[in-house]
């Protein structure tokens, strides 16, 4: 359990039984995610959508030499 969650639980007006459930991690457990590659592109993609610009996506599978290109056009 993270220190931030522990502080909230300790200062909350909840029963000892419920506090024990939190400490046993049977009621609440936070997740940790690995960094996602490409997440830094989201603002540019959203701006392109907002301004109705064409988005060109180039993709290459890790097991292939061929590069694939897809054009995404705004239709709305």
PDB file of N, CA and C in Angstrom:
ATOM      1  N   UNK A   1       0.864  -1.172   0.000  1.00  0.00           N
ATOM      2  CA  UNK A   1       0.000   0.000   0.000  1.00  0.00           C
ATOM      3  C   UNK A   1       0.904   1.226   0.000  1.00  0.00           C
ATOM      4  N   UNK A   2       0.579   2.223  -0.823  1.00  0.00           N
ATOM      5  CA  UNK A   2       1.406   3.417  -0.894  1.00  0.00           C
ATOM      6  C   UNK A   2       1.207   4.276   0.347  1.00  0.00           C
ATOM      7  N   UNK A   3       2.186   5.116   0.591  1.00  0.00           N
ATOM      8  CA  UNK A   3       2.135   5.993   1.763  1.00  0.00           C
ATOM      9  C   UNK A   3       0.968   6.971   1.678  1.00  0.00           C
ATOM     10  N   UNK A   4       0.649   7.439   0.480  1.00  0.00           N
ATOM     11  CA  UNK A   4      -0.468   8.380   0.313  1.00  0.00           C
ATOM     12  C   UNK A   4      -1.794   7.723   0.690  1.00  0.00           C
ATOM     13  N   UNK A   5      -1.996   6.483   0.257  1.00  0.00           N
ATOM     14  CA  UNK A   5      -3.238   5.768   0.584  1.00  0.00           C
ATOM     15  C   UNK A   5      -3.304   5.503   2.078  1.00  0.00           C
ATOM     16  N   UNK A   6      -2.151   5.147   2.668  1.00  0.00           N
ATOM     17  CA  UNK A   6      -2.114   4.891   4.108  1.00  0.00           C
ATOM     18  C   UNK A   6      -2.518   6.144   4.894  1.00  0.00           C
ATOM     19  N   UNK A   7      -2.043   7.313   4.478  1.00  0.00           N
ATOM     20  CA  UNK A   7      -2.391   8.563   5.166  1.00  0.00           C
ATOM     21  C   UNK A   7      -3.890   8.846   5.082  1.00  0.00           C
ATOM     22  N   UNK A   8      -4.490   8.608   3.926  1.00  0.00           N
ATOM     23  CA  UNK A   8      -5.931   8.830   3.765  1.00  0.00           C
ATOM     24  C   UNK A   8      -6.710   7.883   4.663  1.00  0.00           C
ATOM     25  N   UNK A   9      -6.319   6.632   4.676  1.00  0.00           N
ATOM     26  CA  UNK A   9      -7.013   5.639   5.508  1.00  0.00           C
ATOM     27  C   UNK A   9      -6.871   5.980   6.982  1.00  0.00           C
ATOM     28  N   UNK A  10      -5.656   6.355   7.402  1.00  0.00           N
ATOM     29  CA  UNK A  10      -5.426   6.675   8.809  1.00  0.00           C
ATOM     30  C   UNK A  10      -6.234   7.883   9.264  1.00  0.00           C
ATOM     31  N   UNK A  11      -6.431   8.864   8.369  1.00  0.00           N
ATOM     32  CA  UNK A  11      -7.158  10.074   8.765  1.00  0.00           C
ATOM     33  C   UNK A  11      -8.670   9.950   8.546  1.00  0.00           C
ATOM     34  N   UNK A  12      -9.112   8.890   7.855  1.00  0.00           N
ATOM     35  CA  UNK A  12     -10.538   8.716   7.576  1.00  0.00           C
ATOM     36  C   UNK A  12     -11.257   8.161   8.796  1.00  0.00           C
ATOM     37  N   UNK A  13     -12.535   8.435   8.840  1.00  0.00           N
ATOM     38  CA  UNK A  13     -13.365   7.955   9.941  1.00  0.00           C
ATOM     39  C   UNK A  13     -13.996   6.624   9.538  1.00  0.00           C
ATOM     40  N   UNK A  14     -13.157   5.567   9.512  1.00  0.00           N
ATOM     41  CA  UNK A  14     -13.644   4.235   9.138  1.00  0.00           C
ATOM     42  C   UNK A  14     -13.296   3.251  10.246  1.00  0.00           C
ATOM     43  N   UNK A  15     -13.998   2.147  10.273  1.00  0.00           N
ATOM     44  CA  UNK A  15     -13.815   1.160  11.343  1.00  0.00           C
ATOM     45  C   UNK A  15     -12.467   0.458  11.222  1.00  0.00           C
ATOM     46  N   UNK A  16     -12.030  -0.116  12.326  1.00  0.00           N
ATOM     47  CA  UNK A  16     -10.768  -0.871  12.335  1.00  0.00           C
ATOM     48  C   UNK A  16     -10.836  -2.078  11.396  1.00  0.00           C
ATOM     49  N   UNK A  17     -11.993  -2.725  11.305  1.00  0.00           N
ATOM     50  CA  UNK A  17     -12.136  -3.877  10.411  1.00  0.00           C
ATOM     51  C   UNK A  17     -11.894  -3.478   8.959  1.00  0.00           C
ATOM     52  N   UNK A  18     -12.444  -2.336   8.569  1.00  0.00           N
ATOM     53  CA  UNK A  18     -12.261  -1.863   7.200  1.00  0.00           C
ATOM     54  C   UNK A  18     -10.806  -1.454   6.966  1.00  0.00           C
ATOM     55  N   UNK A  19     -10.182  -0.841   7.961  1.00  0.00           N
ATOM     56  CA  UNK A  19      -8.763  -0.489   7.832  1.00  0.00           C
ATOM     57  C   UNK A  19      -7.913  -1.739   7.616  1.00  0.00           C
ATOM     58  N   UNK A  20      -8.267  -2.814   8.311  1.00  0.00           N
ATOM     59  CA  UNK A  20      -7.519  -4.059   8.163  1.00  0.00           C
ATOM     60  C   UNK A  20      -7.674  -4.632   6.748  1.00  0.00           C
ATOM     61  N   UNK A  21      -8.844  -4.459   6.152  1.00  0.00           N
ATOM     62  CA  UNK A  21      -9.037  -4.918   4.770  1.00  0.00           C
ATOM     63  C   UNK A  21      -8.127  -4.158   3.810  1.00  0.00           C
ATOM     64  N   UNK A  22      -8.005  -2.844   4.035  1.00  0.00           N
ATOM     65  CA  UNK A  22      -7.111  -2.052   3.193  1.00  0.00           C
ATOM     66  C   UNK A  22      -5.668  -2.520   3.360  1.00  0.00           C
ATOM     67  N   UNK A  23      -5.259  -2.749   4.588  1.00  0.00           N
ATOM     68  CA  UNK A  23      -3.887  -3.170   4.850  1.00  0.00           C
ATOM     69  C   UNK A  23      -3.610  -4.558   4.291  1.00  0.00           C
ATOM     70  N   UNK A  24      -4.617  -5.408   4.247  1.00  0.00           N
ATOM     71  CA  UNK A  24      -4.446  -6.760   3.700  1.00  0.00           C
ATOM     72  C   UNK A  24      -4.481  -6.759   2.172  1.00  0.00           C
ATOM     73  N   UNK A  25      -4.735  -5.600   1.579  1.00  0.00           N
ATOM     74  CA  UNK A  25      -4.790  -5.443   0.114  1.00  0.00           C
ATOM     75  C   UNK A  25      -5.911  -6.268  -0.512  1.00  0.00           C
ATOM     76  N   UNK A  26      -6.936  -6.581   0.249  1.00  0.00           N
ATOM     77  CA  UNK A  26      -8.047  -7.342  -0.320  1.00  0.00           C
ATOM     78  C   UNK A  26      -9.155  -6.432  -0.825  1.00  0.00           C
ATOM     79  N   UNK A  27      -9.118  -5.167  -0.442  1.00  0.00           N
ATOM     80  CA  UNK A  27     -10.168  -4.244  -0.853  1.00  0.00           C
ATOM     81  C   UNK A  27      -9.680  -3.246  -1.895  1.00  0.00           C
ATOM     82  N   UNK A  28      -8.442  -2.781  -1.766  1.00  0.00           N
ATOM     83  CA  UNK A  28      -7.929  -1.760  -2.677  1.00  0.00           C
ATOM     84  C   UNK A  28      -6.458  -2.020  -2.945  1.00  0.00           C
ATOM     85  N   UNK A  29      -6.121  -2.043  -4.208  1.00  0.00           N
ATOM     86  CA  UNK A  29      -4.724  -2.171  -4.576  1.00  0.00           C
ATOM     87  C   UNK A  29      -4.503  -1.343  -5.832  1.00  0.00           C
ATOM     88  N   UNK A  30      -3.522  -0.474  -5.794  1.00  0.00           N
ATOM     89  CA  UNK A  30      -3.246   0.369  -6.944  1.00  0.00           C
ATOM     90  C   UNK A  30      -2.399  -0.402  -7.955  1.00  0.00           C
ATOM     91  N   UNK A  31      -2.482   0.009  -9.213  1.00  0.00           N
ATOM     92  CA  UNK A  31      -1.728  -0.641 -10.276  1.00  0.00           C
ATOM     93  C   UNK A  31      -0.557   0.230 -10.684  1.00  0.00           C
ATOM     94  N   UNK A  32       0.492  -0.423 -11.115  1.00  0.00           N
ATOM     95  CA  UNK A  32       1.638   0.283 -11.678  1.00  0.00           C
ATOM     96  C   UNK A  32       1.741  -0.123 -13.136  1.00  0.00           C
ATOM     97  N   UNK A  33       1.866   0.855 -14.017  1.00  0.00           N
ATOM     98  CA  UNK A  33       1.924   0.596 -15.445  1.00  0.00           C
ATOM     99  C   UNK A  33       3.304   0.939 -15.980  1.00  0.00           C
ATOM    100  N   UNK A  34       3.721   0.161 -16.928  1.00  0.00           N
ATOM    101  CA  UNK A  34       4.962   0.463 -17.639  1.00  0.00           C
ATOM    102  C   UNK A  34       4.735   1.696 -18.511  1.00  0.00           C
ATOM    103  N   UNK A  35       5.765   2.479 -18.751  1.00  0.00           N
ATOM    104  CA  UNK A  35       5.614   3.623 -19.663  1.00  0.00           C
ATOM    105  C   UNK A  35       5.157   3.152 -21.048  1.00  0.00           C
ATOM    106  N   UNK A  36       4.282   3.916 -21.664  1.00  0.00           N
ATOM    107  CA  UNK A  36       3.745   3.565 -22.979  1.00  0.00           C
ATOM    108  C   UNK A  36       4.483   4.375 -24.031  1.00  0.00           C
ATOM    109  N   UNK A  37       5.092   3.671 -24.973  1.00  0.00           N
ATOM    110  CA  UNK A  37       5.831   4.337 -26.034  1.00  0.00           C
ATOM    111  C   UNK A  37       4.865   5.043 -26.981  1.00  0.00           C
ATOM    112  N   UNK A  38       5.136   6.287 -27.312  1.00  0.00           N
ATOM    113  CA  UNK A  38       4.306   7.044 -28.235  1.00  0.00           C
ATOM    114  C   UNK A  38       3.279   7.930 -27.570  1.00  0.00           C
ATOM    115  N   UNK A  39       3.159   7.857 -26.245  1.00  0.00           N
ATOM    116  CA  UNK A  39       2.162   8.659 -25.551  1.00  0.00           C
ATOM    117  C   UNK A  39       2.428  10.162 -25.748  1.00  0.00           C
ATOM    118  N   UNK A  40       3.671  10.522 -26.022  1.00  0.00           N
ATOM    119  CA  UNK A  40       4.015  11.936 -26.245  1.00  0.00           C
ATOM    120  C   UNK A  40       3.410  12.473 -27.540  1.00  0.00           C
ATOM    121  N   UNK A  41       2.917  11.598 -28.418  1.00  0.00           N
ATOM    122  CA  UNK A  41       2.312  12.019 -29.682  1.00  0.00           C
ATOM    123  C   UNK A  41       0.838  12.390 -29.552  1.00  0.00           C
ATOM    124  N   UNK A  42       0.221  12.065 -28.436  1.00  0.00           N
ATOM    125  CA  UNK A  42      -1.219  12.293 -28.269  1.00  0.00           C
ATOM    126  C   UNK A  42      -1.605  13.764 -28.446  1.00  0.00           C
ATOM    127  N   UNK A  43      -0.882  14.737 -27.865  1.00  0.00           N
ATOM    128  CA  UNK A  43      -1.277  16.141 -28.099  1.00  0.00           C
ATOM    129  C   UNK A  43      -1.255  16.535 -29.577  1.00  0.00           C
ATOM    130  N   UNK A  44      -0.256  16.067 -30.316  1.00  0.00           N
ATOM    131  CA  UNK A  44      -0.188  16.382 -31.754  1.00  0.00           C
ATOM    132  C   UNK A  44      -1.340  15.738 -32.515  1.00  0.00           C
ATOM    133  N   UNK A  45      -1.680  14.510 -32.157  1.00  0.00           N
ATOM    134  CA  UNK A  45      -2.797  13.826 -32.814  1.00  0.00           C
ATOM    135  C   UNK A  45      -4.106  14.552 -32.537  1.00  0.00           C
ATOM    136  N   UNK A  46      -4.321  14.928 -31.277  1.00  0.00           N
ATOM    137  CA  UNK A  46      -5.549  15.645 -30.923  1.00  0.00           C
ATOM    138  C   UNK A  46      -5.632  16.998 -31.624  1.00  0.00           C
ATOM    139  N   UNK A  47      -4.514  17.693 -31.733  1.00  0.00           N
ATOM    140  CA  UNK A  47      -4.507  18.985 -32.435  1.00  0.00           C
ATOM    141  C   UNK A  47      -4.818  18.791 -33.920  1.00  0.00           C
ATOM    142  N   UNK A  48      -4.273  17.744 -34.521  1.00  0.00           N
ATOM    143  CA  UNK A  48      -4.560  17.459 -35.930  1.00  0.00           C
ATOM    144  C   UNK A  48      -6.037  17.152 -36.134  1.00  0.00           C
ATOM    145  N   UNK A  49      -6.623  16.404 -35.229  1.00  0.00           N
ATOM    146  CA  UNK A  49      -8.055  16.101 -35.315  1.00  0.00           C
ATOM    147  C   UNK A  49      -8.873  17.380 -35.167  1.00  0.00           C
ATOM    148  N   UNK A  50      -8.494  18.208 -34.209  1.00  0.00           N
ATOM    149  CA  UNK A  50      -9.225  19.458 -33.977  1.00  0.00           C
ATOM    150  C   UNK A  50      -9.182  20.364 -35.212  1.00  0.00           C
ATOM    151  N   UNK A  51      -8.022  20.439 -35.870  1.00  0.00           N
ATOM    152  CA  UNK A  51      -7.869  21.299 -37.047  1.00  0.00           C
ATOM    153  C   UNK A  51      -8.193  20.566 -38.348  1.00  0.00           C
ATOM    154  N   UNK A  52      -8.709  19.347 -38.219  1.00  0.00           N
ATOM    155  CA  UNK A  52      -9.127  18.529 -39.364  1.00  0.00           C
ATOM    156  C   UNK A  52      -8.031  18.347 -40.406  1.00  0.00           C
ATOM    157  N   UNK A  53      -6.842  18.063 -39.919  1.00  0.00           N
ATOM    158  CA  UNK A  53      -5.705  17.798 -40.792  1.00  0.00           C
ATOM    159  C   UNK A  53      -5.569  16.299 -41.021  1.00  0.00           C
ATOM    160  N   UNK A  54      -5.000  15.960 -42.153  1.00  0.00           N
ATOM    161  CA  UNK A  54      -4.749  14.563 -42.450  1.00  0.00           C
ATOM    162  C   UNK A  54      -3.629  14.061 -41.534  1.00  0.00           C
ATOM    163  N   UNK A  55      -3.795  12.840 -41.048  1.00  0.00           N
ATOM    164  CA  UNK A  55      -2.777  12.210 -40.210  1.00  0.00           C
ATOM    165  C   UNK A  55      -2.206  11.039 -41.000  1.00  0.00           C
ATOM    166  N   UNK A  56      -0.884  11.010 -41.121  1.00  0.00           N
ATOM    167  CA  UNK A  56      -0.210   9.930 -41.819  1.00  0.00           C
ATOM    168  C   UNK A  56       0.503   9.071 -40.770  1.00  0.00           C
ATOM    169  N   UNK A  57       0.138   7.803 -40.758  1.00  0.00           N
ATOM    170  CA  UNK A  57       0.716   6.868 -39.795  1.00  0.00           C
ATOM    171  C   UNK A  57       1.609   5.896 -40.553  1.00  0.00           C
ATOM    172  N   UNK A  58       2.864   5.802 -40.130  1.00  0.00           N
ATOM    173  CA  UNK A  58       3.778   4.826 -40.693  1.00  0.00           C
ATOM    174  C   UNK A  58       4.043   3.770 -39.629  1.00  0.00           C
ATOM    175  N   UNK A  59       3.951   2.509 -40.032  1.00  0.00           N
ATOM    176  CA  UNK A  59       4.071   1.412 -39.085  1.00  0.00           C
ATOM    177  C   UNK A  59       4.901   0.301 -39.695  1.00  0.00           C
ATOM    178  N   UNK A  60       5.789  -0.239 -38.887  1.00  0.00           N
ATOM    179  CA  UNK A  60       6.576  -1.380 -39.331  1.00  0.00           C
ATOM    180  C   UNK A  60       6.529  -2.441 -38.239  1.00  0.00           C
ATOM    181  N   UNK A  61       6.052  -3.608 -38.607  1.00  0.00           N
ATOM    182  CA  UNK A  61       6.013  -4.716 -37.653  1.00  0.00           C
ATOM    183  C   UNK A  61       7.435  -5.102 -37.285  1.00  0.00           C
ATOM    184  N   UNK A  62       7.618  -5.520 -36.064  1.00  0.00           N
ATOM    185  CA  UNK A  62       8.961  -5.848 -35.605  1.00  0.00           C
ATOM    186  C   UNK A  62       9.566  -7.051 -36.329  1.00  0.00           C
ATOM    187  N   UNK A  63       8.721  -7.883 -36.921  1.00  0.00           N
ATOM    188  CA  UNK A  63       9.229  -9.077 -37.593  1.00  0.00           C
ATOM    189  C   UNK A  63       9.221  -8.956 -39.121  1.00  0.00           C
ATOM    190  N   UNK A  64       9.021  -7.759 -39.638  1.00  0.00           N
ATOM    191  CA  UNK A  64       8.965  -7.537 -41.088  1.00  0.00           C
ATOM    192  C   UNK A  64       9.844  -6.356 -41.475  1.00  0.00           C
ATOM    193  N   UNK A  65      10.287  -6.355 -42.724  1.00  0.00           N
ATOM    194  CA  UNK A  65      11.084  -5.244 -43.238  1.00  0.00           C
ATOM    195  C   UNK A  65      10.222  -4.164 -43.883  1.00  0.00           C
ATOM    196  N   UNK A  66       9.004  -4.531 -44.275  1.00  0.00           N
ATOM    197  CA  UNK A  66       8.142  -3.627 -45.026  1.00  0.00           C
ATOM    198  C   UNK A  66       7.514  -2.572 -44.109  1.00  0.00           C
ATOM    199  N   UNK A  67       7.576  -1.323 -44.554  1.00  0.00           N
ATOM    200  CA  UNK A  67       6.965  -0.202 -43.854  1.00  0.00           C
ATOM    201  C   UNK A  67       5.569   0.022 -44.415  1.00  0.00           C
ATOM    202  N   UNK A  68       4.598   0.163 -43.555  1.00  0.00           N
ATOM    203  CA  UNK A  68       3.212   0.356 -43.985  1.00  0.00           C
ATOM    204  C   UNK A  68       2.801   1.795 -43.683  1.00  0.00           C
ATOM    205  N   UNK A  69       2.136   2.443 -44.624  1.00  0.00           N
ATOM    206  CA  UNK A  69       1.687   3.828 -44.451  1.00  0.00           C
ATOM    207  C   UNK A  69       0.175   3.889 -44.607  1.00  0.00           C
ATOM    208  N   UNK A  70      -0.472   4.584 -43.663  1.00  0.00           N
ATOM    209  CA  UNK A  70      -1.923   4.747 -43.680  1.00  0.00           C
ATOM    210  C   UNK A  70      -2.248   6.217 -43.549  1.00  0.00           C
ATOM    211  N   UNK A  71      -3.150   6.708 -44.402  1.00  0.00           N
ATOM    212  CA  UNK A  71      -3.622   8.088 -44.314  1.00  0.00           C
ATOM    213  C   UNK A  71      -4.971   8.126 -43.629  1.00  0.00           C
ATOM    214  N   UNK A  72      -5.072   8.927 -42.602  1.00  0.00           N
ATOM    215  CA  UNK A  72      -6.332   9.106 -41.886  1.00  0.00           C
ATOM    216  C   UNK A  72      -6.872  10.491 -42.210  1.00  0.00           C
ATOM    217  N   UNK A  73      -8.026  10.529 -42.873  1.00  0.00           N
ATOM    218  CA  UNK A  73      -8.640  11.789 -43.278  1.00  0.00           C
ATOM    219  C   UNK A  73      -9.846  12.098 -42.392  1.00  0.00           C
ATOM    220  N   UNK A  74     -10.095  13.379 -42.207  1.00  0.00           N
ATOM    221  CA  UNK A  74     -11.248  13.826 -41.421  1.00  0.00           C
ATOM    222  C   UNK A  74     -12.483  13.835 -42.318  1.00  0.00           C
ATOM    223  N   UNK A  75     -13.528  13.147 -41.898  1.00  0.00           N
ATOM    224  CA  UNK A  75     -14.765  13.091 -42.681  1.00  0.00           C
ATOM    225  C   UNK A  75     -15.924  13.805 -42.027  1.00  0.00           C
ATOM    226  N   UNK A  76     -15.721  14.408 -40.888  1.00  0.00           N
ATOM    227  CA  UNK A  76     -16.828  15.072 -40.196  1.00  0.00           C
ATOM    228  C   UNK A  76     -16.607  16.539 -40.099  1.00  0.00           C
TER     229      UNK A  76
END
